[in-house]
Amino acid sequence: MTTRQPRPFTGRQFATILCAMFAVVMAVNFTMATLASRTFSGAVVQNGYVANQDFNAWIERGKRQAQIGWAARAEVKADSLSIVATDRTGAPLTGATVSVHLIHPFRAGETRWIYPVEAEPGTYVAAHSLTRGQWEANIRLEREGEVVMLRQRLFVSQEQAS
């Protein structure tokens, strides 16, 4: 019976294994970076620890808002931003004070406050000076001591941009 001699471990095998390991690491990194960039909302807070402590209060506020049942939808037009607000039954929400904090998710310093006024029942309109791109609209509705805060992602096209 003859025994086979094991083949020697060559430099070529070592290089192949090394390249394969780096390829796996790079594939995982690119996958994670792609997933992160597609799902990042752009929310930036000054102090993550303090924001985390307020989390339970935010949950309670969200439950209260759900009970109130108000809804709002922002629409960007060429020269104006309109907020269409409805109550729990779907009727126009009239007599509310509306403010909109617009944040550009990729330019943390580019924010705007807009204060629409009621143009017709449940529709609040204000002029805007938004640049082309994606914006996060934080809409605040207030009426008779009740406050509801809603968030909507807006896309401003070249035709709608100022």
N, C-alpha and C. Protein backbone atom coordinates (compact mmCIF):
# COMPACT_ATOMS: atom_id res chain seq x y z
N MET A 1 0.83 -1.16 0.00
CA MET A 1 0.00 0.00 0.00
C MET A 1 0.89 1.24 0.00
N THR A 2 0.56 2.07 -0.94
CA THR A 2 1.37 3.28 -1.03
C THR A 2 0.60 4.44 -0.43
N THR A 3 1.30 5.29 0.23
CA THR A 3 0.66 6.46 0.81
C THR A 3 0.92 7.65 -0.10
N ARG A 4 -0.08 8.46 -0.19
CA ARG A 4 0.04 9.65 -1.02
C ARG A 4 0.67 10.76 -0.20
N GLN A 5 1.49 11.48 -0.83
CA GLN A 5 2.11 12.63 -0.20
C GLN A 5 1.13 13.80 -0.28
N PRO A 6 0.91 14.52 0.83
CA PRO A 6 0.03 15.68 0.74
C PRO A 6 0.65 16.75 -0.16
N ARG A 7 -0.24 17.44 -0.85
CA ARG A 7 0.27 18.49 -1.72
C ARG A 7 0.72 19.68 -0.87
N PRO A 8 1.73 20.35 -1.28
CA PRO A 8 2.22 21.49 -0.49
C PRO A 8 1.26 22.69 -0.64
N PHE A 9 1.20 23.49 0.41
CA PHE A 9 0.40 24.71 0.41
C PHE A 9 1.22 25.78 -0.32
N THR A 10 0.70 26.23 -1.43
CA THR A 10 1.48 27.14 -2.28
C THR A 10 1.08 28.59 -2.05
N GLY A 11 1.89 29.45 -2.55
CA GLY A 11 1.61 30.89 -2.48
C GLY A 11 0.36 31.26 -3.25
N ARG A 12 0.11 30.54 -4.33
CA ARG A 12 -1.09 30.80 -5.14
C ARG A 12 -2.35 30.49 -4.33
N GLN A 13 -2.36 29.40 -3.59
CA GLN A 13 -3.51 29.05 -2.75
C GLN A 13 -3.70 30.10 -1.65
N PHE A 14 -2.60 30.54 -1.06
CA PHE A 14 -2.68 31.56 -0.02
C PHE A 14 -3.28 32.86 -0.58
N ALA A 15 -2.81 33.27 -1.74
CA ALA A 15 -3.32 34.50 -2.36
C ALA A 15 -4.81 34.37 -2.69
N THR A 16 -5.24 33.20 -3.16
CA THR A 16 -6.64 32.97 -3.48
C THR A 16 -7.51 33.07 -2.23
N ILE A 17 -7.08 32.45 -1.16
CA ILE A 17 -7.84 32.51 0.11
C ILE A 17 -7.89 33.94 0.64
N LEU A 18 -6.76 34.64 0.58
CA LEU A 18 -6.71 36.02 1.06
C LEU A 18 -7.64 36.92 0.25
N CYS A 19 -7.61 36.78 -1.05
CA CYS A 19 -8.49 37.59 -1.91
C CYS A 19 -9.96 37.25 -1.66
N ALA A 20 -10.28 35.98 -1.46
CA ALA A 20 -11.66 35.58 -1.20
C ALA A 20 -12.16 36.18 0.12
N MET A 21 -11.31 36.19 1.13
CA MET A 21 -11.72 36.77 2.43
C MET A 21 -11.99 38.27 2.28
N PHE A 22 -11.11 38.97 1.58
CA PHE A 22 -11.32 40.41 1.39
C PHE A 22 -12.56 40.67 0.54
N ALA A 23 -12.82 39.82 -0.44
CA ALA A 23 -14.02 39.97 -1.27
C ALA A 23 -15.28 39.82 -0.43
N VAL A 24 -15.31 38.87 0.49
CA VAL A 24 -16.46 38.69 1.36
C VAL A 24 -16.65 39.91 2.25
N VAL A 25 -15.55 40.39 2.85
CA VAL A 25 -15.63 41.58 3.72
C VAL A 25 -16.14 42.78 2.92
N MET A 26 -15.61 42.99 1.72
CA MET A 26 -16.04 44.13 0.91
C MET A 26 -17.51 44.00 0.50
N ALA A 27 -17.95 42.79 0.15
CA ALA A 27 -19.35 42.59 -0.24
C ALA A 27 -20.28 42.91 0.93
N VAL A 28 -19.92 42.47 2.12
CA VAL A 28 -20.75 42.78 3.30
C VAL A 28 -20.75 44.28 3.56
N ASN A 29 -19.61 44.94 3.48
CA ASN A 29 -19.53 46.39 3.71
C ASN A 29 -20.38 47.16 2.70
N PHE A 30 -20.26 46.82 1.42
CA PHE A 30 -21.05 47.51 0.40
C PHE A 30 -22.54 47.27 0.60
N THR A 31 -22.92 46.06 0.97
CA THR A 31 -24.33 45.76 1.22
C THR A 31 -24.85 46.58 2.39
N MET A 32 -24.10 46.62 3.47
CA MET A 32 -24.54 47.38 4.65
C MET A 32 -24.59 48.88 4.34
N ALA A 33 -23.62 49.40 3.62
CA ALA A 33 -23.62 50.81 3.27
C ALA A 33 -24.82 51.16 2.38
N THR A 34 -25.14 50.29 1.44
CA THR A 34 -26.28 50.52 0.56
C THR A 34 -27.58 50.51 1.35
N LEU A 35 -27.75 49.52 2.21
CA LEU A 35 -28.97 49.45 3.04
C LEU A 35 -29.08 50.66 3.95
N ALA A 36 -27.97 51.09 4.53
CA ALA A 36 -27.99 52.25 5.43
C ALA A 36 -28.36 53.53 4.68
N SER A 37 -27.79 53.73 3.50
CA SER A 37 -28.06 54.97 2.77
C SER A 37 -29.49 55.00 2.22
N ARG A 38 -30.08 53.85 1.95
CA ARG A 38 -31.45 53.83 1.44
C ARG A 38 -32.48 54.02 2.54
N THR A 39 -32.15 53.69 3.77
CA THR A 39 -33.13 53.74 4.85
C THR A 39 -32.91 54.88 5.83
N PHE A 40 -31.80 55.62 5.73
CA PHE A 40 -31.52 56.69 6.68
C PHE A 40 -32.47 57.85 6.46
N SER A 41 -33.18 58.23 7.49
CA SER A 41 -34.19 59.28 7.36
C SER A 41 -33.59 60.67 7.39
N GLY A 42 -32.36 60.78 7.78
CA GLY A 42 -31.72 62.08 7.86
C GLY A 42 -31.93 62.75 9.20
N ALA A 43 -32.58 62.08 10.13
CA ALA A 43 -32.81 62.67 11.44
C ALA A 43 -31.50 62.83 12.18
N VAL A 44 -31.24 64.05 12.61
CA VAL A 44 -30.03 64.35 13.36
C VAL A 44 -30.46 64.98 14.68
N VAL A 45 -29.96 64.45 15.78
CA VAL A 45 -30.28 65.01 17.09
C VAL A 45 -29.00 65.52 17.73
N GLN A 46 -29.14 66.53 18.58
CA GLN A 46 -27.97 67.11 19.25
C GLN A 46 -27.35 66.12 20.22
N ASN A 47 -28.20 65.43 20.97
CA ASN A 47 -27.70 64.54 22.01
C ASN A 47 -28.54 63.27 22.00
N GLY A 48 -27.97 62.19 21.52
CA GLY A 48 -28.69 60.93 21.40
C GLY A 48 -29.15 60.39 22.75
N TYR A 49 -28.37 60.61 23.79
CA TYR A 49 -28.72 60.12 25.12
C TYR A 49 -30.01 60.79 25.62
N VAL A 50 -30.08 62.12 25.48
CA VAL A 50 -31.26 62.85 25.92
C VAL A 50 -32.47 62.48 25.07
N ALA A 51 -32.26 62.35 23.77
CA ALA A 51 -33.36 61.96 22.88
C ALA A 51 -33.89 60.58 23.26
N ASN A 52 -33.02 59.69 23.65
CA ASN A 52 -33.43 58.35 24.06
C ASN A 52 -34.25 58.39 25.35
N GLN A 53 -33.92 59.31 26.26
CA GLN A 53 -34.68 59.43 27.51
C GLN A 53 -36.10 59.92 27.25
N ASP A 54 -36.29 60.69 26.20
CA ASP A 54 -37.61 61.21 25.85
C ASP A 54 -38.45 60.23 25.05
N PHE A 55 -37.92 59.07 24.74
CA PHE A 55 -38.58 58.12 23.86
C PHE A 55 -39.97 57.72 24.37
N ASN A 56 -40.09 57.42 25.65
CA ASN A 56 -41.39 56.99 26.20
C ASN A 56 -42.42 58.11 26.09
N ALA A 57 -41.99 59.36 26.30
CA ALA A 57 -42.91 60.49 26.14
C ALA A 57 -43.37 60.59 24.69
N TRP A 58 -42.47 60.32 23.76
CA TRP A 58 -42.84 60.35 22.34
C TRP A 58 -43.87 59.27 22.04
N ILE A 59 -43.72 58.11 22.63
CA ILE A 59 -44.68 57.02 22.41
C ILE A 59 -46.06 57.42 22.94
N GLU A 60 -46.10 58.00 24.13
CA GLU A 60 -47.38 58.45 24.70
C GLU A 60 -48.01 59.54 23.84
N ARG A 61 -47.20 60.47 23.35
CA ARG A 61 -47.71 61.53 22.48
C ARG A 61 -48.28 60.93 21.20
N GLY A 62 -47.62 59.91 20.67
CA GLY A 62 -48.11 59.23 19.46
C GLY A 62 -49.45 58.55 19.70
N LYS A 63 -49.61 57.93 20.87
CA LYS A 63 -50.90 57.29 21.21
C LYS A 63 -52.00 58.33 21.30
N ARG A 64 -51.68 59.48 21.92
CA ARG A 64 -52.67 60.56 22.05
C ARG A 64 -53.06 61.09 20.67
N GLN A 65 -52.09 61.26 19.80
CA GLN A 65 -52.37 61.73 18.45
C GLN A 65 -53.25 60.75 17.70
N ALA A 66 -53.02 59.47 17.90
CA ALA A 66 -53.85 58.45 17.24
C ALA A 66 -55.30 58.54 17.71
N GLN A 67 -55.50 58.86 19.00
CA GLN A 67 -56.85 59.01 19.53
C GLN A 67 -57.55 60.23 18.92
N ILE A 68 -56.80 61.31 18.73
CA ILE A 68 -57.38 62.53 18.14
C ILE A 68 -57.80 62.24 16.69
N GLY A 69 -56.93 61.55 15.94
CA GLY A 69 -57.29 61.11 14.59
C GLY A 69 -57.17 62.11 13.48
N TRP A 70 -56.47 63.22 13.69
CA TRP A 70 -56.28 64.18 12.62
C TRP A 70 -55.28 63.65 11.62
N ALA A 71 -55.44 64.07 10.37
CA ALA A 71 -54.51 63.70 9.30
C ALA A 71 -54.18 64.94 8.50
N ALA A 72 -53.01 64.92 7.87
CA ALA A 72 -52.60 66.04 7.02
C ALA A 72 -51.76 65.50 5.87
N ARG A 73 -51.89 66.16 4.74
CA ARG A 73 -51.13 65.79 3.56
C ARG A 73 -50.55 67.06 2.95
N ALA A 74 -49.25 67.09 2.75
CA ALA A 74 -48.59 68.25 2.15
C ALA A 74 -48.48 68.06 0.65
N GLU A 75 -48.70 69.15 -0.07
CA GLU A 75 -48.58 69.14 -1.53
C GLU A 75 -47.73 70.32 -1.96
N VAL A 76 -46.71 70.04 -2.76
CA VAL A 76 -45.82 71.10 -3.26
C VAL A 76 -46.29 71.50 -4.64
N LYS A 77 -46.47 72.80 -4.82
CA LYS A 77 -46.80 73.34 -6.14
C LYS A 77 -45.66 74.27 -6.54
N ALA A 78 -45.74 74.86 -7.71
CA ALA A 78 -44.64 75.67 -8.23
C ALA A 78 -44.24 76.81 -7.29
N ASP A 79 -45.21 77.45 -6.67
CA ASP A 79 -44.88 78.60 -5.82
C ASP A 79 -45.45 78.50 -4.42
N SER A 80 -46.09 77.38 -4.09
CA SER A 80 -46.72 77.29 -2.77
C SER A 80 -46.66 75.88 -2.22
N LEU A 81 -46.82 75.82 -0.92
CA LEU A 81 -46.93 74.55 -0.21
C LEU A 81 -48.31 74.56 0.44
N SER A 82 -49.09 73.52 0.18
CA SER A 82 -50.41 73.47 0.79
C SER A 82 -50.51 72.24 1.68
N ILE A 83 -51.19 72.42 2.79
CA ILE A 83 -51.45 71.35 3.74
C ILE A 83 -52.95 71.12 3.76
N VAL A 84 -53.37 69.91 3.43
CA VAL A 84 -54.79 69.55 3.48
C VAL A 84 -54.98 68.73 4.75
N ALA A 85 -55.74 69.28 5.70
CA ALA A 85 -55.92 68.64 7.01
C ALA A 85 -57.36 68.19 7.18
N THR A 86 -57.51 67.00 7.76
CA THR A 86 -58.83 66.45 8.02
C THR A 86 -58.91 65.94 9.46
N ASP A 87 -60.14 65.88 9.96
CA ASP A 87 -60.33 65.34 11.31
C ASP A 87 -60.57 63.84 11.24
N ARG A 88 -60.95 63.26 12.36
CA ARG A 88 -61.13 61.80 12.45
C ARG A 88 -62.17 61.29 11.45
N THR A 89 -63.19 62.09 11.16
CA THR A 89 -64.26 61.65 10.27
C THR A 89 -63.94 61.90 8.79
N GLY A 90 -62.81 62.58 8.51
CA GLY A 90 -62.46 62.91 7.14
C GLY A 90 -62.94 64.27 6.71
N ALA A 91 -63.62 64.99 7.61
CA ALA A 91 -64.08 66.34 7.32
C ALA A 91 -62.90 67.32 7.39
N PRO A 92 -62.96 68.43 6.67
CA PRO A 92 -61.87 69.40 6.72
C PRO A 92 -61.64 69.90 8.15
N LEU A 93 -60.39 69.98 8.54
CA LEU A 93 -60.01 70.48 9.87
C LEU A 93 -59.86 72.00 9.76
N THR A 94 -60.85 72.72 10.27
CA THR A 94 -60.85 74.18 10.14
C THR A 94 -60.40 74.83 11.44
N GLY A 95 -59.91 76.07 11.31
CA GLY A 95 -59.55 76.86 12.48
C GLY A 95 -58.28 76.43 13.18
N ALA A 96 -57.45 75.67 12.53
CA ALA A 96 -56.21 75.19 13.16
C ALA A 96 -55.07 76.16 12.88
N THR A 97 -54.09 76.13 13.75
CA THR A 97 -52.84 76.84 13.52
C THR A 97 -51.86 75.81 12.99
N VAL A 98 -51.28 76.09 11.83
CA VAL A 98 -50.40 75.12 11.18
C VAL A 98 -49.01 75.71 11.04
N SER A 99 -48.01 74.92 11.38
CA SER A 99 -46.63 75.28 11.10
C SER A 99 -45.94 74.06 10.52
N VAL A 100 -45.01 74.31 9.61
CA VAL A 100 -44.30 73.23 8.93
C VAL A 100 -42.80 73.50 9.05
N HIS A 101 -42.09 72.55 9.62
CA HIS A 101 -40.63 72.63 9.70
C HIS A 101 -40.09 71.74 8.59
N LEU A 102 -39.46 72.35 7.61
CA LEU A 102 -38.92 71.62 6.46
C LEU A 102 -37.42 71.42 6.65
N ILE A 103 -36.99 70.18 6.55
CA ILE A 103 -35.59 69.83 6.76
C ILE A 103 -35.09 69.09 5.54
N HIS A 104 -33.95 69.53 5.02
CA HIS A 104 -33.33 68.80 3.91
C HIS A 104 -32.51 67.67 4.53
N PRO A 105 -32.85 66.41 4.25
CA PRO A 105 -32.21 65.29 4.94
C PRO A 105 -30.71 65.17 4.72
N PHE A 106 -30.21 65.69 3.62
CA PHE A 106 -28.79 65.52 3.33
C PHE A 106 -27.99 66.79 3.55
N ARG A 107 -28.66 67.86 3.91
CA ARG A 107 -27.98 69.11 4.25
C ARG A 107 -28.55 69.57 5.59
N ALA A 108 -27.94 69.10 6.68
CA ALA A 108 -28.49 69.30 8.03
C ALA A 108 -28.75 70.77 8.34
N GLY A 109 -27.97 71.68 7.80
CA GLY A 109 -28.15 73.10 8.09
C GLY A 109 -29.25 73.76 7.29
N GLU A 110 -29.77 73.09 6.30
CA GLU A 110 -30.79 73.71 5.44
C GLU A 110 -32.18 73.35 5.94
N THR A 111 -32.74 74.25 6.76
CA THR A 111 -34.09 74.07 7.27
C THR A 111 -34.89 75.33 7.03
N ARG A 112 -36.19 75.17 7.01
CA ARG A 112 -37.08 76.31 6.83
C ARG A 112 -38.33 76.09 7.68
N TRP A 113 -38.86 77.18 8.19
CA TRP A 113 -40.16 77.16 8.87
C TRP A 113 -41.15 77.87 7.97
N ILE A 114 -42.29 77.25 7.76
CA ILE A 114 -43.36 77.84 6.95
C ILE A 114 -44.63 77.83 7.79
N TYR A 115 -45.39 78.93 7.73
CA TYR A 115 -46.62 79.06 8.52
C TYR A 115 -47.79 79.28 7.57
N PRO A 116 -48.38 78.20 7.08
CA PRO A 116 -49.50 78.33 6.16
C PRO A 116 -50.74 78.92 6.85
N VAL A 117 -51.54 79.60 6.06
CA VAL A 117 -52.81 80.15 6.55
C VAL A 117 -53.95 79.46 5.81
N GLU A 118 -55.10 79.44 6.45
CA GLU A 118 -56.24 78.73 5.89
C GLU A 118 -56.80 79.49 4.69
N ALA A 119 -56.70 78.87 3.51
CA ALA A 119 -57.19 79.48 2.28
C ALA A 119 -58.64 79.08 2.01
N GLU A 120 -58.97 77.85 2.37
CA GLU A 120 -60.33 77.34 2.28
C GLU A 120 -60.46 76.29 3.37
N PRO A 121 -61.66 75.86 3.70
CA PRO A 121 -61.81 74.94 4.84
C PRO A 121 -60.89 73.71 4.74
N GLY A 122 -60.01 73.60 5.73
CA GLY A 122 -59.11 72.45 5.81
C GLY A 122 -57.88 72.52 4.94
N THR A 123 -57.73 73.57 4.14
CA THR A 123 -56.56 73.71 3.27
C THR A 123 -55.78 74.95 3.69
N TYR A 124 -54.53 74.73 4.04
CA TYR A 124 -53.64 75.79 4.53
C TYR A 124 -52.52 75.97 3.52
N VAL A 125 -52.28 77.21 3.09
CA VAL A 125 -51.36 77.49 1.99
C VAL A 125 -50.34 78.54 2.41
N ALA A 126 -49.08 78.36 1.94
CA ALA A 126 -48.03 79.35 2.15
C ALA A 126 -47.07 79.29 0.97
N ALA A 127 -46.45 80.43 0.66
CA ALA A 127 -45.42 80.47 -0.38
C ALA A 127 -44.20 79.71 0.13
N HIS A 128 -43.43 79.15 -0.79
CA HIS A 128 -42.22 78.44 -0.37
C HIS A 128 -41.04 78.86 -1.23
N SER A 129 -39.85 78.59 -0.72
CA SER A 129 -38.61 78.83 -1.47
C SER A 129 -37.74 77.59 -1.36
N LEU A 130 -38.31 76.46 -1.72
CA LEU A 130 -37.60 75.19 -1.60
C LEU A 130 -36.74 74.91 -2.83
N THR A 131 -35.57 74.36 -2.58
CA THR A 131 -34.71 73.94 -3.67
C THR A 131 -35.10 72.53 -4.10
N ARG A 132 -34.65 72.14 -5.27
CA ARG A 132 -34.97 70.82 -5.81
C ARG A 132 -34.42 69.74 -4.89
N GLY A 133 -35.17 68.67 -4.76
CA GLY A 133 -34.68 67.53 -3.98
C GLY A 133 -35.71 67.02 -2.99
N GLN A 134 -35.20 66.30 -2.02
CA GLN A 134 -36.02 65.62 -1.03
C GLN A 134 -36.06 66.46 0.25
N TRP A 135 -37.24 66.58 0.84
CA TRP A 135 -37.41 67.35 2.07
C TRP A 135 -38.24 66.55 3.06
N GLU A 136 -37.96 66.71 4.33
CA GLU A 136 -38.74 66.11 5.41
C GLU A 136 -39.64 67.22 5.95
N ALA A 137 -40.96 67.03 5.86
CA ALA A 137 -41.91 68.03 6.36
C ALA A 137 -42.47 67.57 7.70
N ASN A 138 -42.15 68.31 8.75
CA ASN A 138 -42.71 68.05 10.08
C ASN A 138 -43.87 69.03 10.26
N ILE A 139 -45.07 68.50 10.18
CA ILE A 139 -46.29 69.32 10.18
C ILE A 139 -46.86 69.34 11.60
N ARG A 140 -47.14 70.54 12.10
CA ARG A 140 -47.72 70.69 13.44
C ARG A 140 -49.09 71.35 13.29
N LEU A 141 -50.11 70.64 13.75
CA LEU A 141 -51.49 71.14 13.72
C LEU A 141 -51.91 71.40 15.16
N GLU A 142 -52.49 72.56 15.41
CA GLU A 142 -52.95 72.89 16.77
C GLU A 142 -54.31 73.55 16.69
N ARG A 143 -55.23 73.03 17.54
CA ARG A 143 -56.56 73.62 17.62
C ARG A 143 -57.16 73.28 18.97
N GLU A 144 -57.67 74.29 19.63
CA GLU A 144 -58.36 74.13 20.93
C GLU A 144 -57.53 73.33 21.93
N GLY A 145 -56.23 73.63 22.00
CA GLY A 145 -55.37 72.97 22.97
C GLY A 145 -54.84 71.61 22.56
N GLU A 146 -55.37 71.06 21.49
CA GLU A 146 -54.89 69.77 21.00
C GLU A 146 -53.79 70.00 19.97
N VAL A 147 -52.73 69.20 20.05
CA VAL A 147 -51.60 69.33 19.13
C VAL A 147 -51.32 67.97 18.50
N VAL A 148 -51.17 67.97 17.18
CA VAL A 148 -50.80 66.76 16.46
C VAL A 148 -49.61 67.10 15.58
N MET A 149 -48.59 66.25 15.64
CA MET A 149 -47.40 66.43 14.81
C MET A 149 -47.29 65.24 13.86
N LEU A 150 -47.17 65.55 12.58
CA LEU A 150 -47.09 64.53 11.54
C LEU A 150 -45.85 64.76 10.70
N ARG A 151 -45.42 63.72 10.03
CA ARG A 151 -44.21 63.82 9.20
C ARG A 151 -44.51 63.26 7.82
N GLN A 152 -43.98 63.95 6.82
CA GLN A 152 -44.16 63.50 5.44
C GLN A 152 -42.91 63.82 4.64
N ARG A 153 -42.51 62.91 3.78
CA ARG A 153 -41.38 63.13 2.89
C ARG A 153 -41.90 63.81 1.63
N LEU A 154 -41.28 64.91 1.24
CA LEU A 154 -41.68 65.65 0.04
C LEU A 154 -40.59 65.57 -1.00
N PHE A 155 -40.98 65.54 -2.27
CA PHE A 155 -40.04 65.59 -3.38
C PHE A 155 -40.34 66.83 -4.19
N VAL A 156 -39.35 67.70 -4.29
CA VAL A 156 -39.53 68.94 -5.03
C VAL A 156 -38.82 68.78 -6.37
N SER A 157 -39.58 68.87 -7.45
CA SER A 157 -39.01 68.71 -8.80
C SER A 157 -38.39 70.03 -9.23
N GLN A 158 -37.69 69.99 -10.34
CA GLN A 158 -37.05 71.20 -10.89
C GLN A 158 -38.11 72.26 -11.20
N GLU A 159 -39.28 71.84 -11.68
CA GLU A 159 -40.34 72.80 -12.01
C GLU A 159 -40.93 73.44 -10.75
N GLN A 160 -40.94 72.71 -9.64
CA GLN A 160 -41.51 73.22 -8.40
C GLN A 160 -40.52 74.03 -7.58
N ALA A 161 -39.23 73.90 -7.86
CA ALA A 161 -38.18 74.56 -7.08
C ALA A 161 -38.14 76.05 -7.35
N SER A 162 -37.70 76.77 -6.34
CA SER A 162 -37.58 78.23 -6.48
C SER A 162 -36.25 78.59 -7.09
